[in-house]
Amino acid sequence: MGIFAELAGQVRGGEFVPIEFDLADDLAHWRAEIRGKVKAFADNLSARDAFRWA
C-alpha cells in the first residue's frame, strides 16, 4: 500500500478527470480546477503589497 493510502485510510477507487490549469505568462497568478470537485487560485504579492499588509 502506498504512503498516501496509508495516511488516507481505505481507498475505495479512483477516476480519471480533466484538470484545467492556467498560469499567467508573468507568473503573477495561477488557477486550477477539477470541474464539480475543486477550484484553486492564487495571486502573487509584490514587495509593495507585502509591505502594505505588514
Protein backbone atom coordinates (compact mmCIF):
# COMPACT_ATOMS: atom_id res chain seq x y z
CA MET A 1 0.00 0.00 0.00
CA GLY A 2 1.31 3.45 -0.89
CA ILE A 3 2.14 6.12 1.66
CA PHE A 4 -0.85 8.26 0.64
CA ALA A 5 -3.22 5.31 1.01
CA GLU A 6 -1.82 4.57 4.46
CA LEU A 7 -2.44 8.16 5.52
CA ALA A 8 -5.90 8.38 3.95
CA GLY A 9 -7.16 5.05 5.19
CA GLN A 10 -9.13 2.72 2.99
CA VAL A 11 -9.08 3.67 -0.69
CA ARG A 12 -12.34 2.84 -2.47
CA GLY A 13 -11.45 3.57 -6.06
CA GLY A 14 -10.37 6.36 -8.32
CA GLU A 15 -11.35 8.08 -11.51
CA PHE A 16 -9.67 9.98 -14.31
CA VAL A 17 -10.85 13.59 -14.63
CA PRO A 18 -9.66 16.52 -16.72
CA ILE A 19 -7.75 19.17 -14.79
CA GLU A 20 -7.78 22.74 -16.13
CA PHE A 21 -4.68 24.74 -15.24
CA ASP A 22 -3.80 28.30 -16.23
CA LEU A 23 -0.58 30.12 -15.41
CA ALA A 24 -0.02 33.76 -16.30
CA ASP A 25 2.90 34.47 -18.63
CA ASP A 26 4.43 36.74 -15.99
CA LEU A 27 3.74 34.16 -13.23
CA ALA A 28 1.59 36.73 -11.40
CA HIS A 29 -1.26 34.27 -10.84
CA TRP A 30 -2.44 30.74 -11.48
CA ARG A 31 -5.73 28.86 -11.46
CA ALA A 32 -6.61 25.15 -11.36
CA GLU A 33 -9.99 23.43 -11.50
CA ILE A 34 -11.41 19.93 -11.46
CA ARG A 35 -14.94 20.64 -12.62
CA GLY A 36 -17.53 19.90 -9.97
CA LYS A 37 -14.87 18.96 -7.40
CA VAL A 38 -12.42 21.73 -6.55
CA LYS A 39 -11.21 25.18 -7.64
CA ALA A 40 -7.93 26.76 -6.58
CA PHE A 41 -6.23 30.03 -7.44
CA ALA A 42 -3.51 32.34 -6.20
CA ASP A 43 -2.12 35.78 -6.91
CA ASN A 44 1.41 36.68 -6.00
CA LEU A 45 2.19 39.56 -3.67
CA SER A 46 4.62 42.15 -4.90
CA ALA A 47 7.04 43.67 -2.43
CA ARG A 48 4.81 46.75 -2.31
CA ASP A 49 1.72 44.63 -1.42
CA ALA A 50 3.60 42.66 1.22
CA PHE A 51 4.81 45.87 2.85
CA ARG A 52 1.27 47.28 2.91
CA TRP A 53 -0.03 44.14 4.70
CA ALA A 54 2.73 44.09 7.32
